[in-house]
Amino acid sequence: MSELRVPLAGRLRRQHWLALDAVFAMALAAFVVPASPRIELFGLPEPVGFVITLAATTPVAVRRLWPAAVYWVVLAACAALVLLPVITAPFVAVAAAGYTVATRLSRRAAVIALLVAVAVLLAGVFGPLGGQAVTAAAMVITAWGLGIAIREHRIYVAAQREHEIQAATARERLRIARELHDVVANGMSLITLQAGVAGYVLDSRPEEARRALGSIEETSRAGLAELRQMLPLLRDDGDASAPTGATPGLGDLDTLVRRARETGVVVTVETEDARPLPAGLELSAYRIVQEAITNVIKHAGPARVTVALHYAPDALTIEVGDDGAGQTDNTCGHGLLGMRERVALFGGTLTAGARPQGGFLVHAVLPTGGAV
């Protein structure tokens, strides 16, 4: 895919805009200044005409640096040219300076600037401008209105960008909350069960108690490692939707299965047409399986669990079924809610409920979009 090209206006730097303004100001001056000697017809020295015409044109070169000062100097010089009268005032310069005022200053300041310009133009109707005052007024008002529209658009874009940042932050916090729930709740559930087993068989079967304690240590270490990988997300400004490279995926199901078996739950994994998937989708699939197995451990007691993964060209289907005697309510707890949220992130579907033959079944479909 080709890279997006930045518009020409976006590639120009401040010095480029200042250079363009300087060229524009010189063009205006070249057009207006030759008429300045006519000021002698009104008993004023010729240099005065040059000064007034230069004041009406050349400040436009720095209108981006001092918008208010440039506008009032240019407008005052044009007003002098109108009221003398000497020549047709260069209201193109007023329009350019007014546009900058409308985009850079407050709305109140921009409105005052427009009203003063309109007053000068009304005075020009009875001077040398005559009917040209209407054309000049239309030009100044149009430039002013364009500036106001661009200013409002910039404010809207900035507010929208801020809203998007806040929304991305909220999504990141929600993602971290889900991850923390999975790591802490699932890990603590396994630790609680294993600690109960260790306490129960401590005297009669010390070897089994030792294995349970070893499993507690391993589960705790794994949970702490995941937390250390996850908590930096609260400080970093990286992509909120991209998981870190160390996050678990479907390739880590063997460890999950082994830990479940240590609690008395026998887990069998069946995989069909396996292939690599995007890291975010793999993480969500792993968490769905993890949550489903944890629910079996917490609610179904010793049971047999079958995890079936079917890799279709455009979707990954996950089925986690057990033959336990656990709950039949398919709306309970944060676990199923978290699974539904993960599936919804990819536009998939999830159903969960009791099976007719007994036990519980979680069925999830995660679209992959043909990802390989």
Protein backbone atom coordinates (compact mmCIF):
# COMPACT_ATOMS: atom_id res chain seq x y z
CA MET A 1 0.00 0.00 0.00
CA SER A 2 1.41 3.38 -1.00
CA GLU A 3 2.02 6.00 1.67
CA LEU A 4 -0.42 8.87 2.03
CA ARG A 5 0.91 12.10 0.56
CA VAL A 6 0.78 15.16 2.77
CA PRO A 7 -0.98 18.07 0.99
CA LEU A 8 1.28 20.83 -0.31
CA ALA A 9 -0.05 23.29 2.28
CA GLY A 10 0.92 20.82 5.02
CA ARG A 11 4.48 20.50 3.70
CA LEU A 12 5.14 24.24 3.69
CA ARG A 13 6.96 25.54 6.75
CA ARG A 14 6.55 28.91 8.41
CA GLN A 15 9.39 30.50 6.49
CA HIS A 16 7.80 29.38 3.22
CA TRP A 17 4.54 31.11 4.10
CA LEU A 18 6.41 34.25 5.11
CA ALA A 19 8.24 34.24 1.77
CA LEU A 20 4.94 33.92 -0.12
CA ASP A 21 3.50 36.80 1.89
CA ALA A 22 6.55 38.89 1.08
CA VAL A 23 6.09 38.24 -2.66
CA PHE A 24 2.40 39.12 -2.35
CA ALA A 25 3.21 42.36 -0.51
CA MET A 26 5.80 43.39 -3.12
CA ALA A 27 3.30 42.73 -5.92
CA LEU A 28 0.74 44.96 -4.21
CA ALA A 29 3.32 47.68 -3.65
CA ALA A 30 4.44 47.53 -7.30
CA PHE A 31 0.85 48.04 -8.36
CA VAL A 32 -0.08 50.86 -5.94
CA VAL A 33 3.11 52.86 -5.24
CA PRO A 34 3.52 54.31 -8.81
CA ALA A 35 0.30 56.27 -8.28
CA SER A 36 1.51 57.88 -5.06
CA PRO A 37 3.02 61.04 -6.71
CA ARG A 38 -0.56 62.16 -7.38
CA ILE A 39 -0.65 63.20 -3.73
CA GLU A 40 1.09 66.43 -4.79
CA LEU A 41 -2.20 67.49 -6.37
CA PHE A 42 -3.53 67.89 -2.82
CA GLY A 43 -0.65 69.99 -1.53
CA LEU A 44 1.18 67.17 0.22
CA PRO A 45 4.81 66.21 -0.36
CA GLU A 46 5.44 63.25 -2.66
CA PRO A 47 7.25 61.26 0.07
CA VAL A 48 4.02 61.28 2.09
CA GLY A 49 2.29 59.46 -0.76
CA PHE A 50 5.03 56.85 -0.88
CA VAL A 51 4.82 56.30 2.89
CA ILE A 52 1.03 55.92 2.88
CA THR A 53 0.97 53.54 -0.09
CA LEU A 54 3.81 51.48 1.35
CA ALA A 55 1.99 51.33 4.70
CA ALA A 56 -1.12 50.07 2.89
CA THR A 57 0.73 47.18 1.21
CA THR A 58 4.10 46.07 2.61
CA PRO A 59 2.96 45.13 6.16
CA VAL A 60 1.09 42.20 4.60
CA ALA A 61 4.47 40.45 4.42
CA VAL A 62 4.43 39.92 8.21
CA ARG A 63 0.69 39.44 8.76
CA ARG A 64 1.30 35.96 10.21
CA LEU A 65 3.71 37.35 12.81
CA TRP A 66 1.65 40.33 14.03
CA PRO A 67 -1.88 39.91 12.65
CA ALA A 68 -3.59 42.65 14.69
CA ALA A 69 -0.90 45.30 14.19
CA VAL A 70 -0.64 44.61 10.46
CA TYR A 71 -4.40 44.79 10.02
CA TRP A 72 -4.82 48.15 11.73
CA VAL A 73 -1.82 49.72 9.96
CA VAL A 74 -3.04 48.57 6.55
CA LEU A 75 -6.62 49.61 7.25
CA ALA A 76 -5.53 53.04 8.52
CA ALA A 77 -3.38 53.62 5.43
CA CYS A 78 -6.23 52.57 3.12
CA ALA A 79 -8.61 54.84 5.01
CA ALA A 80 -6.20 57.75 4.45
CA LEU A 81 -6.07 56.97 0.72
CA VAL A 82 -9.86 56.87 0.59
CA LEU A 83 -10.42 60.09 2.51
CA LEU A 84 -7.74 62.26 0.81
CA PRO A 85 -8.69 61.03 -1.90
CA VAL A 86 -5.57 60.06 -3.82
CA ILE A 87 -5.95 56.67 -5.46
CA THR A 88 -8.17 53.66 -5.25
CA ALA A 89 -7.15 52.05 -1.96
CA PRO A 90 -5.68 48.52 -2.16
CA PHE A 91 -8.40 46.73 -0.20
CA VAL A 92 -6.94 43.41 -1.33
CA ALA A 93 -4.36 44.01 1.39
CA VAL A 94 -7.14 44.68 3.91
CA ALA A 95 -8.86 41.46 2.86
CA ALA A 96 -5.63 39.43 3.30
CA ALA A 97 -4.92 40.98 6.71
CA GLY A 98 -8.57 40.55 7.74
CA TYR A 99 -8.43 36.85 6.85
CA THR A 100 -5.43 36.42 9.16
CA VAL A 101 -7.17 38.32 11.96
CA ALA A 102 -10.26 36.10 11.61
CA THR A 103 -8.19 32.92 11.82
CA ARG A 104 -5.78 33.97 14.59
CA LEU A 105 -7.59 36.33 16.96
CA SER A 106 -10.69 35.98 19.12
CA ARG A 107 -14.12 36.21 17.56
CA ARG A 108 -14.77 39.55 19.32
CA ALA A 109 -11.57 41.08 17.93
CA ALA A 110 -12.38 39.76 14.45
CA VAL A 111 -15.90 41.23 14.53
CA ILE A 112 -14.57 44.66 15.62
CA ALA A 113 -12.00 44.56 12.81
CA LEU A 114 -14.70 43.81 10.23
CA LEU A 115 -17.03 46.54 11.45
CA VAL A 116 -14.29 49.19 11.23
CA ALA A 117 -13.39 48.07 7.69
CA VAL A 118 -17.06 48.26 6.65
CA ALA A 119 -17.28 51.79 8.12
CA VAL A 120 -14.26 52.86 6.03
CA LEU A 121 -15.83 51.38 2.93
CA LEU A 122 -19.12 53.17 3.59
CA ALA A 123 -17.16 56.42 3.75
CA GLY A 124 -15.55 55.48 0.45
CA VAL A 125 -18.94 55.33 -1.23
CA PHE A 126 -19.01 59.13 -1.09
CA GLY A 127 -15.35 59.44 -2.12
CA PRO A 128 -13.32 58.16 -5.06
CA LEU A 129 -14.44 54.55 -4.60
CA GLY A 130 -18.09 55.13 -5.43
CA GLY A 131 -19.65 51.89 -6.59
CA GLN A 132 -16.31 50.11 -6.19
CA ALA A 133 -16.90 50.24 -2.46
CA VAL A 134 -19.48 47.47 -2.82
CA THR A 135 -16.96 45.24 -4.59
CA ALA A 136 -14.30 46.03 -2.01
CA ALA A 137 -16.74 45.33 0.84
CA ALA A 138 -17.70 42.00 -0.71
CA MET A 139 -14.02 41.08 -1.02
CA VAL A 140 -13.21 42.00 2.59
CA ILE A 141 -16.32 40.33 4.03
CA THR A 142 -15.70 37.15 2.00
CA ALA A 143 -12.09 36.92 3.20
CA TRP A 144 -13.21 37.57 6.79
CA GLY A 145 -15.95 34.91 6.57
CA LEU A 146 -13.52 32.38 5.09
CA GLY A 147 -11.13 33.07 7.95
CA ILE A 148 -13.87 32.56 10.54
CA ALA A 149 -14.92 29.29 8.88
CA ILE A 150 -11.35 27.97 8.84
CA ARG A 151 -10.85 29.03 12.46
CA GLU A 152 -14.01 27.17 13.54
CA HIS A 153 -12.91 24.13 11.55
CA ARG A 154 -9.54 24.13 13.27
CA ILE A 155 -11.23 24.35 16.66
CA TYR A 156 -13.50 21.45 15.72
CA VAL A 157 -10.60 19.32 14.46
CA ALA A 158 -8.63 20.01 17.65
CA ALA A 159 -11.64 19.09 19.81
CA GLN A 160 -12.23 15.94 17.77
CA ARG A 161 -8.58 14.96 18.10
CA GLU A 162 -8.78 15.48 21.87
CA HIS A 163 -11.94 13.38 21.98
CA GLU A 164 -10.23 10.61 20.01
CA ILE A 165 -7.28 10.69 22.41
CA GLN A 166 -9.62 10.42 25.40
CA ALA A 167 -11.54 7.58 23.73
CA ALA A 168 -8.30 5.75 22.95
CA THR A 169 -7.21 6.20 26.57
CA ALA A 170 -10.53 4.80 27.79
CA ARG A 171 -10.21 1.81 25.44
CA GLU A 172 -6.68 1.21 26.68
CA ARG A 173 -7.82 1.31 30.30
CA LEU A 174 -10.61 -1.14 29.50
CA ARG A 175 -8.17 -3.46 27.77
CA ILE A 176 -5.78 -3.33 30.70
CA ALA A 177 -8.68 -3.94 33.10
CA ARG A 178 -9.64 -7.06 31.14
CA GLU A 179 -6.04 -8.25 31.12
CA LEU A 180 -5.65 -7.62 34.84
CA HIS A 181 -8.89 -9.49 35.51
CA ASP A 182 -7.71 -12.45 33.47
CA VAL A 183 -4.28 -12.56 35.07
CA VAL A 184 -5.36 -11.96 38.67
CA ALA A 185 -8.74 -13.70 38.80
CA ASN A 186 -7.74 -16.78 36.84
CA GLY A 187 -4.38 -17.08 38.56
CA MET A 188 -5.84 -16.62 42.04
CA SER A 189 -8.58 -19.18 41.32
CA LEU A 190 -5.98 -21.78 40.43
CA ILE A 191 -3.82 -20.85 43.42
CA THR A 192 -6.80 -21.11 45.79
CA LEU A 193 -7.75 -24.55 44.53
CA GLN A 194 -4.17 -25.81 44.60
CA ALA A 195 -3.65 -24.44 48.11
CA GLY A 196 -6.80 -26.27 49.23
CA VAL A 197 -5.54 -29.51 47.72
CA ALA A 198 -2.12 -29.04 49.36
CA GLY A 199 -3.70 -28.45 52.76
CA TYR A 200 -5.98 -31.44 52.40
CA VAL A 201 -3.25 -33.96 51.48
CA LEU A 202 -0.38 -32.41 53.42
CA ASP A 203 -0.23 -35.16 56.06
CA SER A 204 -1.48 -38.16 54.09
CA ARG A 205 0.23 -37.55 50.75
CA PRO A 206 3.10 -35.09 51.16
CA GLU A 207 4.41 -35.69 47.62
CA GLU A 208 1.10 -34.55 46.11
CA ALA A 209 1.05 -31.58 48.46
CA ARG A 210 4.56 -30.70 47.30
CA ARG A 211 3.43 -30.83 43.66
CA ALA A 212 0.50 -28.56 44.47
CA LEU A 213 2.81 -26.06 46.19
CA GLY A 214 5.16 -26.18 43.20
CA SER A 215 2.22 -25.47 40.92
CA ILE A 216 1.23 -22.52 43.14
CA GLU A 217 4.74 -21.13 42.80
CA GLU A 218 4.73 -21.56 39.02
CA THR A 219 1.29 -19.99 38.64
CA SER A 220 2.32 -17.06 40.83
CA ARG A 221 5.53 -16.47 38.91
CA ALA A 222 3.69 -16.59 35.58
CA GLY A 223 1.06 -14.14 36.83
CA LEU A 224 3.68 -11.73 38.13
CA ALA A 225 5.56 -11.91 34.83
CA GLU A 226 2.40 -11.03 32.89
CA LEU A 227 1.64 -8.17 35.26
CA ARG A 228 5.14 -6.75 34.77
CA GLN A 229 4.64 -6.88 31.01
CA MET A 230 1.21 -5.26 31.25
CA LEU A 231 1.64 -2.43 33.76
CA PRO A 232 4.07 -0.41 31.57
CA LEU A 233 1.11 0.10 29.21
CA LEU A 234 -0.24 2.50 31.82
CA ARG A 235 2.77 4.74 31.23
CA ASP A 236 3.62 4.23 27.55
CA ASP A 237 1.97 6.10 24.66
CA GLY A 238 2.13 3.20 22.22
CA ASP A 239 -0.66 1.75 20.12
CA ALA A 240 -3.49 0.86 22.47
CA SER A 241 -4.78 -1.82 20.16
CA ALA A 242 -1.50 -3.67 19.69
CA PRO A 243 -0.53 -6.14 22.41
CA THR A 244 3.08 -6.54 23.40
CA GLY A 245 5.13 -9.28 21.83
CA ALA A 246 5.30 -11.18 25.15
CA THR A 247 1.54 -11.58 25.57
CA PRO A 248 0.25 -15.18 25.52
CA GLY A 249 -1.30 -16.81 22.48
CA LEU A 250 -2.77 -20.14 21.42
CA GLY A 251 0.72 -21.61 21.39
CA ASP A 252 0.71 -21.34 25.20
CA LEU A 253 -2.34 -23.58 25.69
CA ASP A 254 -0.13 -26.49 26.76
CA THR A 255 0.87 -24.63 29.92
CA LEU A 256 -2.76 -23.72 30.59
CA VAL A 257 -3.84 -27.34 30.10
CA ARG A 258 -1.14 -28.61 32.43
CA ARG A 259 -2.12 -26.21 35.19
CA ALA A 260 -5.77 -27.18 34.85
CA ARG A 261 -4.94 -30.87 35.12
CA GLU A 262 -3.17 -30.20 38.40
CA THR A 263 -6.52 -29.06 39.83
CA GLY A 264 -8.31 -32.24 38.76
CA VAL A 265 -9.73 -30.95 35.47
CA VAL A 266 -8.68 -33.01 32.45
CA VAL A 267 -8.38 -30.84 29.36
CA THR A 268 -8.05 -32.09 25.79
CA VAL A 269 -7.21 -29.73 22.95
CA GLU A 270 -8.28 -30.53 19.39
CA THR A 271 -6.90 -28.33 16.62
CA GLU A 272 -7.89 -28.33 12.96
CA ASP A 273 -5.96 -26.57 10.18
CA ALA A 274 -3.89 -24.46 12.59
CA ARG A 275 -2.07 -21.43 11.22
CA PRO A 276 -0.54 -18.24 12.66
CA LEU A 277 -2.96 -15.41 13.41
CA PRO A 278 -2.51 -11.73 14.37
CA ALA A 279 -1.18 -11.28 17.91
CA GLY A 280 -4.26 -9.40 19.12
CA LEU A 281 -6.62 -12.11 17.90
CA GLU A 282 -4.42 -14.86 19.37
CA LEU A 283 -4.43 -13.09 22.72
CA SER A 284 -8.22 -12.78 22.74
CA ALA A 285 -8.63 -16.44 21.73
CA TYR A 286 -6.24 -17.54 24.48
CA ARG A 287 -8.10 -15.47 27.09
CA ILE A 288 -11.46 -16.91 25.99
CA VAL A 289 -10.16 -20.46 26.42
CA GLN A 290 -8.49 -19.53 29.72
CA GLU A 291 -11.69 -17.96 31.09
CA ALA A 292 -13.81 -20.91 29.99
CA ILE A 293 -11.47 -23.42 31.68
CA THR A 294 -11.29 -21.29 34.81
CA ASN A 295 -15.10 -21.24 34.99
CA VAL A 296 -15.08 -25.04 34.82
CA ILE A 297 -12.53 -25.20 37.65
CA LYS A 298 -14.54 -22.80 39.82
CA HIS A 299 -18.06 -24.02 39.12
CA ALA A 300 -18.03 -27.55 37.67
CA GLY A 301 -15.59 -29.33 39.96
CA PRO A 302 -13.57 -32.25 38.60
CA ALA A 303 -14.60 -32.59 34.98
CA ARG A 304 -13.39 -33.33 31.50
CA VAL A 305 -13.00 -30.36 29.16
CA THR A 306 -12.61 -30.43 25.41
CA VAL A 307 -11.17 -27.40 23.65
CA ALA A 308 -11.76 -27.46 19.88
CA LEU A 309 -10.07 -24.90 17.62
CA HIS A 310 -11.13 -24.77 13.98
CA TYR A 311 -9.18 -22.47 11.67
CA ALA A 312 -11.43 -21.58 8.73
CA PRO A 313 -10.14 -19.29 5.93
CA ASP A 314 -11.98 -16.27 7.35
CA ALA A 315 -12.66 -17.15 11.00
CA LEU A 316 -11.40 -18.98 14.07
CA THR A 317 -14.04 -21.07 15.84
CA ILE A 318 -13.50 -21.90 19.50
CA GLU A 319 -15.55 -24.47 21.42
CA VAL A 320 -14.91 -25.22 25.06
CA GLY A 321 -17.26 -27.87 26.46
CA ASP A 322 -17.25 -29.77 29.73
CA ASP A 323 -19.22 -32.63 31.29
CA GLY A 324 -19.31 -31.15 34.78
CA ALA A 325 -22.31 -30.40 36.96
CA GLY A 326 -21.75 -26.68 37.25
CA GLN A 327 -23.98 -23.68 36.69
CA THR A 328 -26.45 -23.43 33.85
CA ASP A 329 -26.92 -19.65 33.90
CA ASN A 330 -25.30 -18.14 30.80
CA THR A 331 -25.40 -14.52 32.04
CA CYS A 332 -23.26 -14.84 35.18
CA GLY A 333 -20.10 -13.09 36.26
CA HIS A 334 -17.48 -10.90 34.68
CA GLY A 335 -15.83 -13.84 32.93
CA LEU A 336 -18.51 -14.30 30.27
CA LEU A 337 -18.84 -10.53 29.96
CA GLY A 338 -15.10 -10.27 29.28
CA MET A 339 -15.36 -13.03 26.67
CA ARG A 340 -18.22 -11.21 24.93
CA GLU A 341 -16.20 -7.97 24.89
CA ARG A 342 -13.19 -9.72 23.37
CA VAL A 343 -15.32 -11.34 20.68
CA ALA A 344 -17.07 -8.02 19.97
CA LEU A 345 -13.68 -6.35 19.36
CA PHE A 346 -13.32 -8.49 16.22
CA GLY A 347 -16.99 -8.41 15.19
CA GLY A 348 -17.51 -12.05 16.15
CA THR A 349 -20.21 -13.96 18.00
CA LEU A 350 -20.30 -15.85 21.28
CA THR A 351 -22.87 -18.22 22.75
CA ALA A 352 -22.63 -19.91 26.13
CA GLY A 353 -25.03 -22.18 27.93
CA ALA A 354 -25.84 -25.60 29.29
CA ARG A 355 -25.63 -28.58 26.95
CA PRO A 356 -28.57 -31.02 26.66
CA GLN A 357 -26.32 -33.94 27.60
CA GLY A 358 -24.99 -32.08 30.63
CA GLY A 359 -22.16 -29.69 31.25
CA PHE A 360 -21.55 -26.28 29.73
CA LEU A 361 -20.47 -25.13 26.26
CA VAL A 362 -18.80 -21.91 25.14
CA HIS A 363 -18.88 -21.33 21.38
CA ALA A 364 -17.03 -18.33 19.93
CA VAL A 365 -16.38 -17.26 16.36
CA LEU A 366 -13.63 -14.69 15.74
CA PRO A 367 -13.45 -13.38 12.16
CA THR A 368 -9.88 -13.28 10.89
CA GLY A 369 -10.46 -11.54 7.59
CA GLY A 370 -8.29 -14.12 5.88
CA ALA A 371 -5.30 -13.12 8.02
CA VAL A 372 -2.31 -15.44 7.82
